[in-house]
Amino acid sequence: MQLDKFLPPLTAAVLCLVPICGAYGGNGETLFVERCAMCHGPDAKGSGPLAGKSNPPTPDLTTPAFKKRLADYPGVIVSSIILRPNGDLIPRTLKENGYRLPPHAWSVKDFRDLNEYLTGVIYKSK
């Protein structure tokens, strides 16, 4: 069996898959889907299954007011919401509705990735 016959097609296949994984499997998207979308929805419009189960209800993150806050304070909004979730509103809402999120040791990279992903989502919405 000659390895040189299989190596070029295998290499080409791997190289073709790399951009696909990067475009769709990013850290920010994963964090949003796993930790935010149950309330905010995949479109960030406050349309998730728990959106109306908190008081106050989950906000639509695609509004002009939120876009302005995100532009004025890039990254601060995302990290402040995660680190100080309106008292116990987020954990309480999740617990009362049977959602269990595993603990997550947030890194600066996570905050940046989530902010970048969220910015892309809200500016694509109309």
C-alpha atoms as a PDB file:
ATOM      1  CA  MET A   1       0.000   0.000   0.000  1.00  0.00           C
ATOM      2  CA  GLN A   2       1.481   3.298  -1.040  1.00  0.00           C
ATOM      3  CA  LEU A   3       0.818   6.120   1.374  1.00  0.00           C
ATOM      4  CA  ASP A   4       1.664   8.790  -1.204  1.00  0.00           C
ATOM      5  CA  LYS A   5      -1.505   7.856  -3.171  1.00  0.00           C
ATOM      6  CA  PHE A   6      -3.762   8.508  -0.172  1.00  0.00           C
ATOM      7  CA  LEU A   7      -2.007  11.455   1.429  1.00  0.00           C
ATOM      8  CA  PRO A   8      -2.905  14.183  -1.126  1.00  0.00           C
ATOM      9  CA  PRO A   9      -6.667  13.391  -1.161  1.00  0.00           C
ATOM     10  CA  LEU A  10      -6.695  13.103   2.633  1.00  0.00           C
ATOM     11  CA  THR A  11      -4.842  16.401   3.027  1.00  0.00           C
ATOM     12  CA  ALA A  12      -7.216  18.126   0.618  1.00  0.00           C
ATOM     13  CA  ALA A  13     -10.237  16.795   2.509  1.00  0.00           C
ATOM     14  CA  VAL A  14      -8.874  18.037   5.846  1.00  0.00           C
ATOM     15  CA  LEU A  15      -8.062  21.464   4.424  1.00  0.00           C
ATOM     16  CA  CYS A  16     -11.563  21.771   3.002  1.00  0.00           C
ATOM     17  CA  LEU A  17     -13.116  21.000   6.376  1.00  0.00           C
ATOM     18  CA  VAL A  18     -11.095  23.511   8.399  1.00  0.00           C
ATOM     19  CA  PRO A  19     -12.943  26.657   7.228  1.00  0.00           C
ATOM     20  CA  ILE A  20     -16.302  24.973   7.736  1.00  0.00           C
ATOM     21  CA  CYS A  21     -15.497  24.110  11.337  1.00  0.00           C
ATOM     22  CA  GLY A  22     -14.175  27.587  12.019  1.00  0.00           C
ATOM     23  CA  ALA A  23     -17.173  29.338  10.498  1.00  0.00           C
ATOM     24  CA  TYR A  24     -19.849  27.334  12.255  1.00  0.00           C
ATOM     25  CA  GLY A  25     -18.248  25.950  15.387  1.00  0.00           C
ATOM     26  CA  GLY A  26     -16.836  29.099  16.964  1.00  0.00           C
ATOM     27  CA  ASN A  27     -16.487  29.508  20.700  1.00  0.00           C
ATOM     28  CA  GLY A  28     -18.796  32.563  20.827  1.00  0.00           C
ATOM     29  CA  GLU A  29     -21.574  30.768  18.983  1.00  0.00           C
ATOM     30  CA  THR A  30     -21.201  27.684  21.175  1.00  0.00           C
ATOM     31  CA  LEU A  31     -21.360  29.762  24.359  1.00  0.00           C
ATOM     32  CA  PHE A  32     -24.427  31.655  23.136  1.00  0.00           C
ATOM     33  CA  VAL A  33     -26.299  28.541  22.036  1.00  0.00           C
ATOM     34  CA  GLU A  34     -25.477  26.598  25.200  1.00  0.00           C
ATOM     35  CA  ARG A  35     -25.793  29.385  27.789  1.00  0.00           C
ATOM     36  CA  CYS A  36     -27.935  32.220  26.398  1.00  0.00           C
ATOM     37  CA  ALA A  37     -30.311  31.037  23.671  1.00  0.00           C
ATOM     38  CA  MET A  38     -32.745  29.344  26.079  1.00  0.00           C
ATOM     39  CA  CYS A  39     -33.840  32.856  27.058  1.00  0.00           C
ATOM     40  CA  HIS A  40     -32.697  35.113  24.225  1.00  0.00           C
ATOM     41  CA  GLY A  41     -33.466  32.689  21.391  1.00  0.00           C
ATOM     42  CA  PRO A  42     -31.132  31.837  18.510  1.00  0.00           C
ATOM     43  CA  ASP A  43     -31.885  35.223  16.943  1.00  0.00           C
ATOM     44  CA  ALA A  44     -31.175  37.177  20.197  1.00  0.00           C
ATOM     45  CA  LYS A  45     -34.656  38.726  20.000  1.00  0.00           C
ATOM     46  CA  GLY A  46     -35.824  37.414  23.373  1.00  0.00           C
ATOM     47  CA  SER A  47     -37.621  34.530  21.712  1.00  0.00           C
ATOM     48  CA  GLY A  48     -36.210  31.543  23.630  1.00  0.00           C
ATOM     49  CA  PRO A  49     -38.398  29.078  25.520  1.00  0.00           C
ATOM     50  CA  LEU A  50     -37.714  30.873  28.838  1.00  0.00           C
ATOM     51  CA  ALA A  51     -38.095  34.418  27.464  1.00  0.00           C
ATOM     52  CA  GLY A  52     -41.330  35.250  29.260  1.00  0.00           C
ATOM     53  CA  LYS A  53     -40.574  33.303  32.422  1.00  0.00           C
ATOM     54  CA  SER A  54     -38.394  35.877  34.131  1.00  0.00           C
ATOM     55  CA  ASN A  55     -39.355  39.171  35.699  1.00  0.00           C
ATOM     56  CA  PRO A  56     -38.494  41.367  33.917  1.00  0.00           C
ATOM     57  CA  PRO A  57     -38.919  39.357  30.694  1.00  0.00           C
ATOM     58  CA  THR A  58     -35.878  38.566  28.582  1.00  0.00           C
ATOM     59  CA  PRO A  59     -34.944  41.599  26.470  1.00  0.00           C
ATOM     60  CA  ASP A  60     -34.640  41.718  22.709  1.00  0.00           C
ATOM     61  CA  LEU A  61     -30.932  42.269  22.127  1.00  0.00           C
ATOM     62  CA  THR A  62     -31.460  43.471  18.562  1.00  0.00           C
ATOM     63  CA  THR A  63     -33.159  46.767  19.484  1.00  0.00           C
ATOM     64  CA  PRO A  64     -31.502  50.077  18.593  1.00  0.00           C
ATOM     65  CA  ALA A  65     -31.057  50.839  22.317  1.00  0.00           C
ATOM     66  CA  PHE A  66     -29.128  47.619  22.965  1.00  0.00           C
ATOM     67  CA  LYS A  67     -27.075  48.042  19.773  1.00  0.00           C
ATOM     68  CA  LYS A  68     -26.073  51.511  21.008  1.00  0.00           C
ATOM     69  CA  ARG A  69     -25.093  50.153  24.443  1.00  0.00           C
ATOM     70  CA  LEU A  70     -23.031  47.406  22.812  1.00  0.00           C
ATOM     71  CA  ALA A  71     -21.292  49.965  20.566  1.00  0.00           C
ATOM     72  CA  ASP A  72     -20.696  52.424  23.435  1.00  0.00           C
ATOM     73  CA  TYR A  73     -19.370  49.765  25.812  1.00  0.00           C
ATOM     74  CA  PRO A  74     -17.979  46.923  23.694  1.00  0.00           C
ATOM     75  CA  GLY A  75     -17.499  43.780  25.701  1.00  0.00           C
ATOM     76  CA  VAL A  76     -18.576  45.389  28.960  1.00  0.00           C
ATOM     77  CA  ILE A  77     -22.252  44.576  28.446  1.00  0.00           C
ATOM     78  CA  VAL A  78     -21.631  40.882  27.842  1.00  0.00           C
ATOM     79  CA  SER A  79     -19.241  40.423  30.755  1.00  0.00           C
ATOM     80  CA  SER A  80     -21.282  42.494  33.205  1.00  0.00           C
ATOM     81  CA  ILE A  81     -24.445  40.519  32.464  1.00  0.00           C
ATOM     82  CA  ILE A  82     -22.657  37.215  32.957  1.00  0.00           C
ATOM     83  CA  LEU A  83     -20.722  38.217  36.062  1.00  0.00           C
ATOM     84  CA  ARG A  84     -23.542  40.172  37.743  1.00  0.00           C
ATOM     85  CA  PRO A  85     -26.752  38.668  36.412  1.00  0.00           C
ATOM     86  CA  ASN A  86     -29.251  41.182  37.817  1.00  0.00           C
ATOM     87  CA  GLY A  87     -29.011  39.760  41.310  1.00  0.00           C
ATOM     88  CA  ASP A  88     -30.040  36.148  40.969  1.00  0.00           C
ATOM     89  CA  LEU A  89     -32.460  36.627  38.049  1.00  0.00           C
ATOM     90  CA  ILE A  90     -30.670  34.392  35.550  1.00  0.00           C
ATOM     91  CA  PRO A  91     -29.782  31.509  37.902  1.00  0.00           C
ATOM     92  CA  ARG A  92     -33.223  31.665  39.545  1.00  0.00           C
ATOM     93  CA  THR A  93     -35.073  31.650  36.206  1.00  0.00           C
ATOM     94  CA  LEU A  94     -33.035  28.693  34.986  1.00  0.00           C
ATOM     95  CA  LYS A  95     -33.526  26.767  38.227  1.00  0.00           C
ATOM     96  CA  GLU A  96     -37.278  27.451  38.436  1.00  0.00           C
ATOM     97  CA  ASN A  97     -37.693  26.127  34.910  1.00  0.00           C
ATOM     98  CA  GLY A  98     -35.576  23.001  35.254  1.00  0.00           C
ATOM     99  CA  TYR A  99     -32.511  24.158  33.313  1.00  0.00           C
ATOM    100  CA  ARG A 100     -29.176  23.065  34.742  1.00  0.00           C
ATOM    101  CA  LEU A 101     -26.105  24.662  33.274  1.00  0.00           C
ATOM    102  CA  PRO A 102     -22.776  23.199  34.216  1.00  0.00           C
ATOM    103  CA  PRO A 103     -20.413  25.668  35.870  1.00  0.00           C
ATOM    104  CA  HIS A 104     -18.197  27.535  33.446  1.00  0.00           C
ATOM    105  CA  ALA A 105     -14.877  29.199  34.262  1.00  0.00           C
ATOM    106  CA  TRP A 106     -15.243  32.275  32.028  1.00  0.00           C
ATOM    107  CA  SER A 107     -12.072  33.513  30.387  1.00  0.00           C
ATOM    108  CA  VAL A 108     -11.330  36.839  28.763  1.00  0.00           C
ATOM    109  CA  LYS A 109     -11.327  34.975  25.436  1.00  0.00           C
ATOM    110  CA  ASP A 110     -14.837  33.657  26.156  1.00  0.00           C
ATOM    111  CA  PHE A 111     -16.116  37.189  26.785  1.00  0.00           C
ATOM    112  CA  ARG A 112     -14.489  38.471  23.614  1.00  0.00           C
ATOM    113  CA  ASP A 113     -15.743  35.561  21.525  1.00  0.00           C
ATOM    114  CA  LEU A 114     -19.285  35.888  22.868  1.00  0.00           C
ATOM    115  CA  ASN A 115     -19.251  39.640  22.327  1.00  0.00           C
ATOM    116  CA  GLU A 116     -18.016  39.178  18.753  1.00  0.00           C
ATOM    117  CA  TYR A 117     -20.638  36.531  18.009  1.00  0.00           C
ATOM    118  CA  LEU A 118     -23.445  38.547  19.595  1.00  0.00           C
ATOM    119  CA  THR A 119     -22.415  41.687  17.714  1.00  0.00           C
ATOM    120  CA  GLY A 120     -22.583  39.728  14.448  1.00  0.00           C
ATOM    121  CA  VAL A 121     -26.029  38.339  15.296  1.00  0.00           C
ATOM    122  CA  ILE A 122     -27.622  41.610  16.335  1.00  0.00           C
ATOM    123  CA  TYR A 123     -26.246  43.629  13.441  1.00  0.00           C
ATOM    124  CA  LYS A 124     -27.468  41.035  10.922  1.00  0.00           C
ATOM    125  CA  SER A 125     -31.010  41.227  12.304  1.00  0.00           C
ATOM    126  CA  LYS A 126     -33.490  43.683  10.921  1.00  0.00           C
END
